[in-house]
PDB file of N, CA and C in Angstrom:
ATOM      1  N   MET A   1       0.843  -1.175   0.000  1.00  0.00           N
ATOM      2  CA  MET A   1       0.000   0.000   0.000  1.00  0.00           C
ATOM      3  C   MET A   1       0.890   1.240   0.000  1.00  0.00           C
ATOM      4  N   ASN A   2       0.547   2.197  -0.840  1.00  0.00           N
ATOM      5  CA  ASN A   2       1.364   3.403  -0.850  1.00  0.00           C
ATOM      6  C   ASN A   2       0.839   4.405   0.183  1.00  0.00           C
ATOM      7  N   ARG A   3       1.579   5.458   0.356  1.00  0.00           N
ATOM      8  CA  ARG A   3       1.268   6.453   1.375  1.00  0.00           C
ATOM      9  C   ARG A   3      -0.099   7.104   1.144  1.00  0.00           C
ATOM     10  N   ARG A   4      -0.421   7.446  -0.095  1.00  0.00           N
ATOM     11  CA  ARG A   4      -1.680   8.117  -0.423  1.00  0.00           C
ATOM     12  C   ARG A   4      -2.881   7.233  -0.044  1.00  0.00           C
ATOM     13  N   LYS A   5      -2.822   5.953  -0.375  1.00  0.00           N
ATOM     14  CA  LYS A   5      -3.905   5.025  -0.037  1.00  0.00           C
ATOM     15  C   LYS A   5      -4.025   4.865   1.475  1.00  0.00           C
ATOM     16  N   SER A   6      -2.897   4.826   2.147  1.00  0.00           N
ATOM     17  CA  SER A   6      -2.904   4.681   3.606  1.00  0.00           C
ATOM     18  C   SER A   6      -3.595   5.863   4.271  1.00  0.00           C
ATOM     19  N   ILE A   7      -3.291   7.059   3.806  1.00  0.00           N
ATOM     20  CA  ILE A   7      -3.899   8.266   4.376  1.00  0.00           C
ATOM     21  C   ILE A   7      -5.404   8.281   4.105  1.00  0.00           C
ATOM     22  N   LYS A   8      -5.815   7.935   2.868  1.00  0.00           N
ATOM     23  CA  LYS A   8      -7.246   7.891   2.537  1.00  0.00           C
ATOM     24  C   LYS A   8      -7.980   6.883   3.415  1.00  0.00           C
ATOM     25  N   THR A   9      -7.376   5.726   3.608  1.00  0.00           N
ATOM     26  CA  THR A   9      -7.988   4.685   4.436  1.00  0.00           C
ATOM     27  C   THR A   9      -8.113   5.152   5.882  1.00  0.00           C
ATOM     28  N   LEU A  10      -7.077   5.791   6.392  1.00  0.00           N
ATOM     29  CA  LEU A  10      -7.091   6.296   7.758  1.00  0.00           C
ATOM     30  C   LEU A  10      -8.185   7.345   7.942  1.00  0.00           C
ATOM     31  N   ILE A  11      -8.295   8.276   7.013  1.00  0.00           N
ATOM     32  CA  ILE A  11      -9.313   9.327   7.096  1.00  0.00           C
ATOM     33  C   ILE A  11     -10.715   8.725   7.016  1.00  0.00           C
ATOM     34  N   ALA A  12     -10.916   7.805   6.099  1.00  0.00           N
ATOM     35  CA  ALA A  12     -12.231   7.179   5.937  1.00  0.00           C
ATOM     36  C   ALA A  12     -12.629   6.402   7.183  1.00  0.00           C
ATOM     37  N   SER A  13     -11.705   5.655   7.756  1.00  0.00           N
ATOM     38  CA  SER A  13     -12.044   4.858   8.938  1.00  0.00           C
ATOM     39  C   SER A  13     -12.275   5.750  10.153  1.00  0.00           C
ATOM     40  N   THR A  14     -11.539   6.842  10.274  1.00  0.00           N
ATOM     41  CA  THR A  14     -11.755   7.785  11.371  1.00  0.00           C
ATOM     42  C   THR A  14     -13.141   8.412  11.264  1.00  0.00           C
ATOM     43  N   GLY A  15     -13.531   8.796  10.056  1.00  0.00           N
ATOM     44  CA  GLY A  15     -14.860   9.371   9.843  1.00  0.00           C
ATOM     45  C   GLY A  15     -15.958   8.380  10.158  1.00  0.00           C
ATOM     46  N   ALA A  16     -15.761   7.129   9.764  1.00  0.00           N
ATOM     47  CA  ALA A  16     -16.760   6.092  10.027  1.00  0.00           C
ATOM     48  C   ALA A  16     -16.912   5.847  11.523  1.00  0.00           C
ATOM     49  N   VAL A  17     -15.806   5.801  12.242  1.00  0.00           N
ATOM     50  CA  VAL A  17     -15.857   5.594  13.688  1.00  0.00           C
ATOM     51  C   VAL A  17     -16.592   6.754  14.359  1.00  0.00           C
ATOM     52  N   PHE A  18     -16.295   7.978  13.958  1.00  0.00           N
ATOM     53  CA  PHE A  18     -16.965   9.149  14.525  1.00  0.00           C
ATOM     54  C   PHE A  18     -18.465   9.083  14.256  1.00  0.00           C
ATOM     55  N   PHE A  19     -18.844   8.786  13.017  1.00  0.00           N
ATOM     56  CA  PHE A  19     -20.251   8.708  12.634  1.00  0.00           C
ATOM     57  C   PHE A  19     -20.978   7.635  13.439  1.00  0.00           C
ATOM     58  N   LEU A  20     -20.386   6.461  13.540  1.00  0.00           N
ATOM     59  CA  LEU A  20     -21.024   5.367  14.268  1.00  0.00           C
ATOM     60  C   LEU A  20     -21.133   5.655  15.756  1.00  0.00           C
ATOM     61  N   SER A  21     -20.167   6.351  16.318  1.00  0.00           N
ATOM     62  CA  SER A  21     -20.244   6.669  17.745  1.00  0.00           C
ATOM     63  C   SER A  21     -21.388   7.636  18.027  1.00  0.00           C
ATOM     64  N   LYS A  22     -21.659   8.554  17.111  1.00  0.00           N
ATOM     65  CA  LYS A  22     -22.774   9.490  17.277  1.00  0.00           C
ATOM     66  C   LYS A  22     -24.114   8.781  17.106  1.00  0.00           C
ATOM     67  N   CYS A  23     -24.163   7.805  16.220  1.00  0.00           N
ATOM     68  CA  CYS A  23     -25.405   7.063  15.974  1.00  0.00           C
ATOM     69  C   CYS A  23     -25.776   6.181  17.151  1.00  0.00           C
ATOM     70  N   SER A  24     -24.789   5.693  17.868  1.00  0.00           N
ATOM     71  CA  SER A  24     -25.069   4.750  18.944  1.00  0.00           C
ATOM     72  C   SER A  24     -25.544   5.431  20.223  1.00  0.00           C
ATOM     73  N   GLN A  25     -25.366   6.740  20.331  1.00  0.00           N
ATOM     74  CA  GLN A  25     -25.818   7.436  21.524  1.00  0.00           C
ATOM     75  C   GLN A  25     -27.334   7.562  21.493  1.00  0.00           C
ATOM     76  N   PRO A  26     -28.019   7.060  22.528  1.00  0.00           N
ATOM     77  CA  PRO A  26     -29.476   7.130  22.525  1.00  0.00           C
ATOM     78  C   PRO A  26     -29.947   8.576  22.610  1.00  0.00           C
ATOM     79  N   LYS A  27     -30.887   8.913  21.756  1.00  0.00           N
ATOM     80  CA  LYS A  27     -31.446  10.257  21.741  1.00  0.00           C
ATOM     81  C   LYS A  27     -32.738  10.226  22.543  1.00  0.00           C
ATOM     82  N   GLU A  28     -32.844  11.098  23.530  1.00  0.00           N
ATOM     83  CA  GLU A  28     -34.048  11.114  24.349  1.00  0.00           C
ATOM     84  C   GLU A  28     -35.217  11.604  23.508  1.00  0.00           C
ATOM     85  N   GLU A  29     -36.247  10.791  23.454  1.00  0.00           N
ATOM     86  CA  GLU A  29     -37.405  11.114  22.634  1.00  0.00           C
ATOM     87  C   GLU A  29     -38.351  12.033  23.397  1.00  0.00           C
ATOM     88  N   TYR A  30     -38.887  13.010  22.693  1.00  0.00           N
ATOM     89  CA  TYR A  30     -39.847  13.929  23.280  1.00  0.00           C
ATOM     90  C   TYR A  30     -41.198  13.235  23.344  1.00  0.00           C
ATOM     91  N   LYS A  31     -41.810  13.218  24.508  1.00  0.00           N
ATOM     92  CA  LYS A  31     -43.098  12.549  24.669  1.00  0.00           C
ATOM     93  C   LYS A  31     -44.118  13.507  25.263  1.00  0.00           C
ATOM     94  N   LEU A  32     -45.259  13.587  24.613  1.00  0.00           N
ATOM     95  CA  LEU A  32     -46.340  14.432  25.121  1.00  0.00           C
ATOM     96  C   LEU A  32     -46.860  13.931  26.461  1.00  0.00           C
ATOM     97  N   GLU A  33     -46.708  12.650  26.740  1.00  0.00           N
ATOM     98  CA  GLU A  33     -47.197  12.083  27.994  1.00  0.00           C
ATOM     99  C   GLU A  33     -46.507  12.708  29.206  1.00  0.00           C
ATOM    100  N   ASN A  34     -45.303  13.225  29.024  1.00  0.00           N
ATOM    101  CA  ASN A  34     -44.537  13.793  30.136  1.00  0.00           C
ATOM    102  C   ASN A  34     -44.884  15.250  30.417  1.00  0.00           C
ATOM    103  N   ILE A  35     -45.695  15.875  29.587  1.00  0.00           N
ATOM    104  CA  ILE A  35     -46.015  17.294  29.720  1.00  0.00           C
ATOM    105  C   ILE A  35     -47.122  17.507  30.741  1.00  0.00           C
ATOM    106  N   LYS A  36     -46.904  18.430  31.649  1.00  0.00           N
ATOM    107  CA  LYS A  36     -47.909  18.778  32.662  1.00  0.00           C
ATOM    108  C   LYS A  36     -48.627  20.074  32.302  1.00  0.00           C
ATOM    109  N   ASP A  37     -47.918  21.003  31.651  1.00  0.00           N
ATOM    110  CA  ASP A  37     -48.464  22.302  31.259  1.00  0.00           C
ATOM    111  C   ASP A  37     -48.424  22.385  29.738  1.00  0.00           C
ATOM    112  N   CYS A  38     -49.566  22.619  29.115  1.00  0.00           N
ATOM    113  CA  CYS A  38     -49.649  22.604  27.649  1.00  0.00           C
ATOM    114  C   CYS A  38     -48.898  23.760  26.986  1.00  0.00           C
ATOM    115  N   GLY A  39     -48.432  24.722  27.741  1.00  0.00           N
ATOM    116  CA  GLY A  39     -47.638  25.807  27.185  1.00  0.00           C
ATOM    117  C   GLY A  39     -46.142  25.587  27.360  1.00  0.00           C
ATOM    118  N   ASP A  40     -45.774  24.471  27.973  1.00  0.00           N
ATOM    119  CA  ASP A  40     -44.376  24.181  28.286  1.00  0.00           C
ATOM    120  C   ASP A  40     -43.667  23.558  27.087  1.00  0.00           C
ATOM    121  N   LEU A  41     -42.681  24.257  26.555  1.00  0.00           N
ATOM    122  CA  LEU A  41     -41.915  23.757  25.411  1.00  0.00           C
ATOM    123  C   LEU A  41     -40.557  23.199  25.832  1.00  0.00           C
ATOM    124  N   THR A  42     -40.353  23.030  27.138  1.00  0.00           N
ATOM    125  CA  THR A  42     -39.110  22.469  27.648  1.00  0.00           C
ATOM    126  C   THR A  42     -38.917  21.075  27.063  1.00  0.00           C
ATOM    127  N   GLY A  43     -37.741  20.814  26.595  1.00  0.00           N
ATOM    128  CA  GLY A  43     -37.455  19.503  26.027  1.00  0.00           C
ATOM    129  C   GLY A  43     -37.548  19.466  24.512  1.00  0.00           C
ATOM    130  N   LEU A  44     -38.153  20.490  23.923  1.00  0.00           N
ATOM    131  CA  LEU A  44     -38.219  20.556  22.462  1.00  0.00           C
ATOM    132  C   LEU A  44     -36.910  21.112  21.924  1.00  0.00           C
ATOM    133  N   SER A  45     -36.472  20.590  20.808  1.00  0.00           N
ATOM    134  CA  SER A  45     -35.253  21.106  20.187  1.00  0.00           C
ATOM    135  C   SER A  45     -35.535  22.482  19.585  1.00  0.00           C
ATOM    136  N   GLU A  46     -34.470  23.240  19.346  1.00  0.00           N
ATOM    137  CA  GLU A  46     -34.622  24.553  18.716  1.00  0.00           C
ATOM    138  C   GLU A  46     -35.260  24.416  17.338  1.00  0.00           C
ATOM    139  N   GLU A  47     -34.945  23.315  16.654  1.00  0.00           N
ATOM    140  CA  GLU A  47     -35.516  23.076  15.321  1.00  0.00           C
ATOM    141  C   GLU A  47     -37.027  22.911  15.394  1.00  0.00           C
ATOM    142  N   GLU A  48     -37.502  22.187  16.407  1.00  0.00           N
ATOM    143  CA  GLU A  48     -38.948  21.976  16.553  1.00  0.00           C
ATOM    144  C   GLU A  48     -39.663  23.274  16.926  1.00  0.00           C
ATOM    145  N   VAL A  49     -39.057  24.082  17.776  1.00  0.00           N
ATOM    146  CA  VAL A  49     -39.652  25.375  18.132  1.00  0.00           C
ATOM    147  C   VAL A  49     -39.702  26.264  16.894  1.00  0.00           C
ATOM    148  N   ALA A  50     -38.633  26.247  16.104  1.00  0.00           N
ATOM    149  CA  ALA A  50     -38.600  27.036  14.863  1.00  0.00           C
ATOM    150  C   ALA A  50     -39.649  26.539  13.870  1.00  0.00           C
ATOM    151  N   LYS A  51     -39.856  25.228  13.823  1.00  0.00           N
ATOM    152  CA  LYS A  51     -40.870  24.666  12.921  1.00  0.00           C
ATOM    153  C   LYS A  51     -42.260  25.173  13.306  1.00  0.00           C
ATOM    154  N   ARG A  52     -42.546  25.206  14.605  1.00  0.00           N
ATOM    155  CA  ARG A  52     -43.840  25.720  15.076  1.00  0.00           C
ATOM    156  C   ARG A  52     -44.033  27.160  14.602  1.00  0.00           C
ATOM    157  N   LYS A  53     -42.981  27.963  14.762  1.00  0.00           N
ATOM    158  CA  LYS A  53     -43.065  29.370  14.353  1.00  0.00           C
ATOM    159  C   LYS A  53     -43.239  29.499  12.848  1.00  0.00           C
ATOM    160  N   SER A  54     -42.518  28.675  12.084  1.00  0.00           N
ATOM    161  CA  SER A  54     -42.607  28.764  10.621  1.00  0.00           C
ATOM    162  C   SER A  54     -43.987  28.354  10.102  1.00  0.00           C
ATOM    163  N   LEU A  55     -44.696  27.534  10.867  1.00  0.00           N
ATOM    164  CA  LEU A  55     -46.052  27.127  10.493  1.00  0.00           C
ATOM    165  C   LEU A  55     -47.101  28.126  10.983  1.00  0.00           C
ATOM    166  N   GLY A  56     -46.645  29.190  11.635  1.00  0.00           N
ATOM    167  CA  GLY A  56     -47.552  30.239  12.093  1.00  0.00           C
ATOM    168  C   GLY A  56     -48.374  29.847  13.305  1.00  0.00           C
ATOM    169  N   TYR A  57     -47.852  28.956  14.151  1.00  0.00           N
ATOM    170  CA  TYR A  57     -48.585  28.515  15.342  1.00  0.00           C
ATOM    171  C   TYR A  57     -48.809  29.676  16.296  1.00  0.00           C
ATOM    172  N   GLU A  58     -50.054  29.844  16.734  1.00  0.00           N
ATOM    173  CA  GLU A  58     -50.432  30.861  17.719  1.00  0.00           C
ATOM    174  C   GLU A  58     -51.239  30.180  18.808  1.00  0.00           C
ATOM    175  N   GLU A  59     -50.994  30.548  20.064  1.00  0.00           N
ATOM    176  CA  GLU A  59     -51.686  29.935  21.200  1.00  0.00           C
ATOM    177  C   GLU A  59     -53.190  30.180  21.179  1.00  0.00           C
ATOM    178  N   LYS A  60     -53.613  31.277  20.606  1.00  0.00           N
ATOM    179  CA  LYS A  60     -55.039  31.623  20.523  1.00  0.00           C
ATOM    180  C   LYS A  60     -55.355  31.946  19.072  1.00  0.00           C
ATOM    181  N   SER A  61     -56.366  31.280  18.526  1.00  0.00           N
ATOM    182  CA  SER A  61     -56.717  31.476  17.123  1.00  0.00           C
ATOM    183  C   SER A  61     -57.253  32.879  16.866  1.00  0.00           C
ATOM    184  N   PRO A  62     -56.740  33.559  15.834  1.00  0.00           N
ATOM    185  CA  PRO A  62     -57.264  34.874  15.469  1.00  0.00           C
ATOM    186  C   PRO A  62     -58.545  34.757  14.632  1.00  0.00           C
ATOM    187  N   LEU A  63     -58.847  33.549  14.188  1.00  0.00           N
ATOM    188  CA  LEU A  63     -60.014  33.323  13.335  1.00  0.00           C
ATOM    189  C   LEU A  63     -61.086  32.544  14.094  1.00  0.00           C
ATOM    190  N   GLU A  64     -62.256  33.109  14.176  1.00  0.00           N
ATOM    191  CA  GLU A  64     -63.343  32.443  14.889  1.00  0.00           C
ATOM    192  C   GLU A  64     -63.709  31.142  14.167  1.00  0.00           C
ATOM    193  N   GLY A  65     -63.731  30.068  14.891  1.00  0.00           N
ATOM    194  CA  GLY A  65     -64.109  28.781  14.316  1.00  0.00           C
ATOM    195  C   GLY A  65     -62.957  27.956  13.782  1.00  0.00           C
ATOM    196  N   ASP A  66     -61.839  28.566  13.472  1.00  0.00           N
ATOM    197  CA  ASP A  66     -60.669  27.824  12.984  1.00  0.00           C
ATOM    198  C   ASP A  66     -59.700  27.636  14.145  1.00  0.00           C
ATOM    199  N   LYS A  67     -59.828  26.517  14.833  1.00  0.00           N
ATOM    200  CA  LYS A  67     -58.989  26.222  15.985  1.00  0.00           C
ATOM    201  C   LYS A  67     -58.431  24.812  15.837  1.00  0.00           C
ATOM    202  N   CYS A  68     -57.383  24.548  16.559  1.00  0.00           N
ATOM    203  CA  CYS A  68     -56.746  23.232  16.466  1.00  0.00           C
ATOM    204  C   CYS A  68     -57.707  22.089  16.785  1.00  0.00           C
ATOM    205  N   ASP A  69     -58.617  22.298  17.739  1.00  0.00           N
ATOM    206  CA  ASP A  69     -59.487  21.178  18.107  1.00  0.00           C
ATOM    207  C   ASP A  69     -60.469  20.773  17.014  1.00  0.00           C
ATOM    208  N   ASN A  70     -60.624  21.587  15.968  1.00  0.00           N
ATOM    209  CA  ASN A  70     -61.461  21.159  14.843  1.00  0.00           C
ATOM    210  C   ASN A  70     -60.643  21.083  13.542  1.00  0.00           C
ATOM    211  N   CYS A  71     -59.350  20.853  13.701  1.00  0.00           N
ATOM    212  CA  CYS A  71     -58.432  20.701  12.560  1.00  0.00           C
ATOM    213  C   CYS A  71     -58.194  19.211  12.294  1.00  0.00           C
ATOM    214  N   GLN A  72     -58.073  18.861  11.052  1.00  0.00           N
ATOM    215  CA  GLN A  72     -57.833  17.467  10.655  1.00  0.00           C
ATOM    216  C   GLN A  72     -56.492  16.948  11.179  1.00  0.00           C
ATOM    217  N   LEU A  73     -55.536  17.827  11.419  1.00  0.00           N
ATOM    218  CA  LEU A  73     -54.187  17.424  11.831  1.00  0.00           C
ATOM    219  C   LEU A  73     -54.011  17.342  13.346  1.00  0.00           C
ATOM    220  N   TYR A  74     -55.031  17.748  14.100  1.00  0.00           N
ATOM    221  CA  TYR A  74     -54.958  17.798  15.564  1.00  0.00           C
ATOM    222  C   TYR A  74     -55.021  16.398  16.164  1.00  0.00           C
ATOM    223  N   LEU A  75     -54.185  16.164  17.160  1.00  0.00           N
ATOM    224  CA  LEU A  75     -54.187  14.920  17.923  1.00  0.00           C
ATOM    225  C   LEU A  75     -54.756  15.241  19.301  1.00  0.00           C
ATOM    226  N   PRO A  76     -56.007  14.891  19.571  1.00  0.00           N
ATOM    227  CA  PRO A  76     -56.637  15.265  20.835  1.00  0.00           C
ATOM    228  C   PRO A  76     -55.964  14.616  22.043  1.00  0.00           C
ATOM    229  N   PRO A  77     -56.138  15.230  23.221  1.00  0.00           N
ATOM    230  CA  PRO A  77     -55.596  14.636  24.446  1.00  0.00           C
ATOM    231  C   PRO A  77     -56.202  13.247  24.677  1.00  0.00           C
ATOM    232  N   THR A  78     -55.486  12.446  25.429  1.00  0.00           N
ATOM    233  CA  THR A  78     -55.961  11.104  25.782  1.00  0.00           C
ATOM    234  C   THR A  78     -55.861  10.938  27.293  1.00  0.00           C
ATOM    235  N   GLU A  79     -56.192   9.752  27.784  1.00  0.00           N
ATOM    236  CA  GLU A  79     -56.056   9.495  29.222  1.00  0.00           C
ATOM    237  C   GLU A  79     -54.603   9.628  29.671  1.00  0.00           C
ATOM    238  N   LYS A  80     -53.678   9.211  28.828  1.00  0.00           N
ATOM    239  CA  LYS A  80     -52.253   9.265  29.165  1.00  0.00           C
ATOM    240  C   LYS A  80     -51.633  10.622  28.868  1.00  0.00           C
ATOM    241  N   ARG A  81     -52.270  11.400  28.017  1.00  0.00           N
ATOM    242  CA  ARG A  81     -51.691  12.654  27.529  1.00  0.00           C
ATOM    243  C   ARG A  81     -52.636  13.809  27.819  1.00  0.00           C
ATOM    244  N   LYS A  82     -52.201  14.732  28.676  1.00  0.00           N
ATOM    245  CA  LYS A  82     -53.036  15.866  29.073  1.00  0.00           C
ATOM    246  C   LYS A  82     -53.251  16.855  27.927  1.00  0.00           C
ATOM    247  N   CYS A  83     -52.234  17.043  27.104  1.00  0.00           N
ATOM    248  CA  CYS A  83     -52.278  18.047  26.041  1.00  0.00           C
ATOM    249  C   CYS A  83     -52.494  17.401  24.680  1.00  0.00           C
ATOM    250  N   GLY A  84     -53.054  18.185  23.776  1.00  0.00           N
ATOM    251  CA  GLY A  84     -53.186  17.740  22.398  1.00  0.00           C
ATOM    252  C   GLY A  84     -51.848  17.860  21.690  1.00  0.00           C
ATOM    253  N   GLY A  85     -51.814  17.376  20.468  1.00  0.00           N
ATOM    254  CA  GLY A  85     -50.608  17.449  19.660  1.00  0.00           C
ATOM    255  C   GLY A  85     -50.971  17.736  18.217  1.00  0.00           C
ATOM    256  N   CYS A  86     -49.980  17.706  17.353  1.00  0.00           N
ATOM    257  CA  CYS A  86     -50.193  17.973  15.937  1.00  0.00           C
ATOM    258  C   CYS A  86     -49.374  16.985  15.118  1.00  0.00           C
ATOM    259  N   GLN A  87     -49.892  16.641  13.944  1.00  0.00           N
ATOM    260  CA  GLN A  87     -49.178  15.730  13.061  1.00  0.00           C
ATOM    261  C   GLN A  87     -47.998  16.410  12.367  1.00  0.00           C
ATOM    262  N   LEU A  88     -47.952  17.749  12.384  1.00  0.00           N
ATOM    263  CA  LEU A  88     -46.909  18.481  11.665  1.00  0.00           C
ATOM    264  C   LEU A  88     -45.667  18.787  12.495  1.00  0.00           C
ATOM    265  N   PHE A  89     -45.818  18.864  13.812  1.00  0.00           N
ATOM    266  CA  PHE A  89     -44.680  19.206  14.660  1.00  0.00           C
ATOM    267  C   PHE A  89     -44.837  18.578  16.030  1.00  0.00           C
ATOM    268  N   LYS A  90     -43.738  18.523  16.771  1.00  0.00           N
ATOM    269  CA  LYS A  90     -43.745  17.960  18.120  1.00  0.00           C
ATOM    270  C   LYS A  90     -44.118  19.031  19.127  1.00  0.00           C
ATOM    271  N   GLY A  91     -44.552  18.576  20.281  1.00  0.00           N
ATOM    272  CA  GLY A  91     -44.849  19.481  21.372  1.00  0.00           C
ATOM    273  C   GLY A  91     -46.332  19.612  21.630  1.00  0.00           C
ATOM    274  N   PRO A  92     -46.662  20.205  22.782  1.00  0.00           N
ATOM    275  CA  PRO A  92     -48.059  20.352  23.156  1.00  0.00           C
ATOM    276  C   PRO A  92     -48.772  21.378  22.286  1.00  0.00           C
ATOM    277  N   VAL A  93     -50.064  21.150  22.082  1.00  0.00           N
ATOM    278  CA  VAL A  93     -50.889  22.047  21.273  1.00  0.00           C
ATOM    279  C   VAL A  93     -52.169  22.342  22.039  1.00  0.00           C
ATOM    280  N   ASN A  94     -52.463  23.624  22.218  1.00  0.00           N
ATOM    281  CA  ASN A  94     -53.712  24.021  22.861  1.00  0.00           C
ATOM    282  C   ASN A  94     -54.867  23.836  21.895  1.00  0.00           C
ATOM    283  N   ALA A  95     -56.003  23.405  22.411  1.00  0.00           N
ATOM    284  CA  ALA A  95     -57.187  23.191  21.571  1.00  0.00           C
ATOM    285  C   ALA A  95     -57.634  24.486  20.901  1.00  0.00           C
ATOM    286  N   ASP A  96     -57.418  25.637  21.550  1.00  0.00           N
ATOM    287  CA  ASP A  96     -57.844  26.934  21.009  1.00  0.00           C
ATOM    288  C   ASP A  96     -56.790  27.584  20.120  1.00  0.00           C
ATOM    289  N   ALA A  97     -55.690  26.893  19.873  1.00  0.00           N
ATOM    290  CA  ALA A  97     -54.597  27.451  19.066  1.00  0.00           C
ATOM    291  C   ALA A  97     -54.925  27.369  17.575  1.00  0.00           C
ATOM    292  N   TYR A  98     -53.983  27.854  16.767  1.00  0.00           N
ATOM    293  CA  TYR A  98     -54.182  27.910  15.314  1.00  0.00           C
ATOM    294  C   TYR A  98     -52.817  27.951  14.634  1.00  0.00           C
ATOM    295  N   CYS A  99     -52.747  27.417  13.416  1.00  0.00           N
ATOM    296  CA  CYS A  99     -51.572  27.622  12.570  1.00  0.00           C
ATOM    297  C   CYS A  99     -52.040  27.769  11.129  1.00  0.00           C
ATOM    298  N   THR A 100     -51.148  28.193  10.270  1.00  0.00           N
ATOM    299  CA  THR A 100     -51.519  28.472   8.882  1.00  0.00           C
ATOM    300  C   THR A 100     -51.845  27.209   8.091  1.00  0.00           C
ATOM    301  N   TYR A 101     -51.572  26.042   8.646  1.00  0.00           N
ATOM    302  CA  TYR A 101     -51.896  24.785   7.969  1.00  0.00           C
ATOM    303  C   TYR A 101     -53.215  24.191   8.459  1.00  0.00           C
ATOM    304  N   TRP A 102     -54.028  24.991   9.136  1.00  0.00           N
ATOM    305  CA  TRP A 102     -55.315  24.513   9.629  1.00  0.00           C
ATOM    306  C   TRP A 102     -56.126  23.950   8.469  1.00  0.00           C
ATOM    307  N   ALA A 103     -56.711  22.782   8.687  1.00  0.00           N
ATOM    308  CA  ALA A 103     -57.567  22.136   7.680  1.00  0.00           C
ATOM    309  C   ALA A 103     -58.823  21.640   8.383  1.00  0.00           C
ATOM    310  N   PRO A 104     -59.997  21.867   7.807  1.00  0.00           N
ATOM    311  CA  PRO A 104     -61.227  21.442   8.484  1.00  0.00           C
ATOM    312  C   PRO A 104     -61.249  19.928   8.699  1.00  0.00           C
ATOM    313  N   ARG A 105     -61.730  19.541   9.865  1.00  0.00           N
ATOM    314  CA  ARG A 105     -61.819  18.118  10.194  1.00  0.00           C
ATOM    315  C   ARG A 105     -62.854  17.459   9.284  1.00  0.00           C
ATOM    316  N   VAL A 106     -62.473  16.315   8.746  1.00  0.00           N
ATOM    317  CA  VAL A 106     -63.372  15.542   7.895  1.00  0.00           C
ATOM    318  C   VAL A 106     -63.824  14.332   8.701  1.00  0.00           C
ATOM    319  N   GLU A 107     -65.107  14.262   8.956  1.00  0.00           N
ATOM    320  CA  GLU A 107     -65.653  13.140   9.718  1.00  0.00           C
ATOM    321  C   GLU A 107     -65.798  11.932   8.807  1.00  0.00           C
ATOM    322  N   ASN A 108     -65.654  10.751   9.389  1.00  0.00           N
ATOM    323  CA  ASN A 108     -65.832   9.515   8.611  1.00  0.00           C
ATOM    324  C   ASN A 108     -67.275   9.396   8.156  1.00  0.00           C
ATOM    325  N   ALA A 109     -67.460   9.030   6.903  1.00  0.00           N
ATOM    326  CA  ALA A 109     -68.817   8.916   6.346  1.00  0.00           C
ATOM    327  C   ALA A 109     -69.426   7.571   6.628  1.00  0.00           C
TER     328      ALA A 109
END
């Protein structure tokens, strides 16, 4: 093996080891079940908070009748989960909130 191949192999294997070490670290998953206050965004990544803002999420709907609780994308609270959620982003969602992706709920026929 010549010097150039040796260096390429060393760099490639170092990169692979670094990549695999990052993949093996368990990432703590955000769970709505752990939320006590529906306005609490603690535990959300900056990316998820930015996603909420980019979708125009507001805690109180400016449009009468267009609220998260009657949106097709809303995930209502359950026995295990005090707060609602959304299919578009992570984190708690107030029933009276709104975002620009609001879509009327379609009931099963």
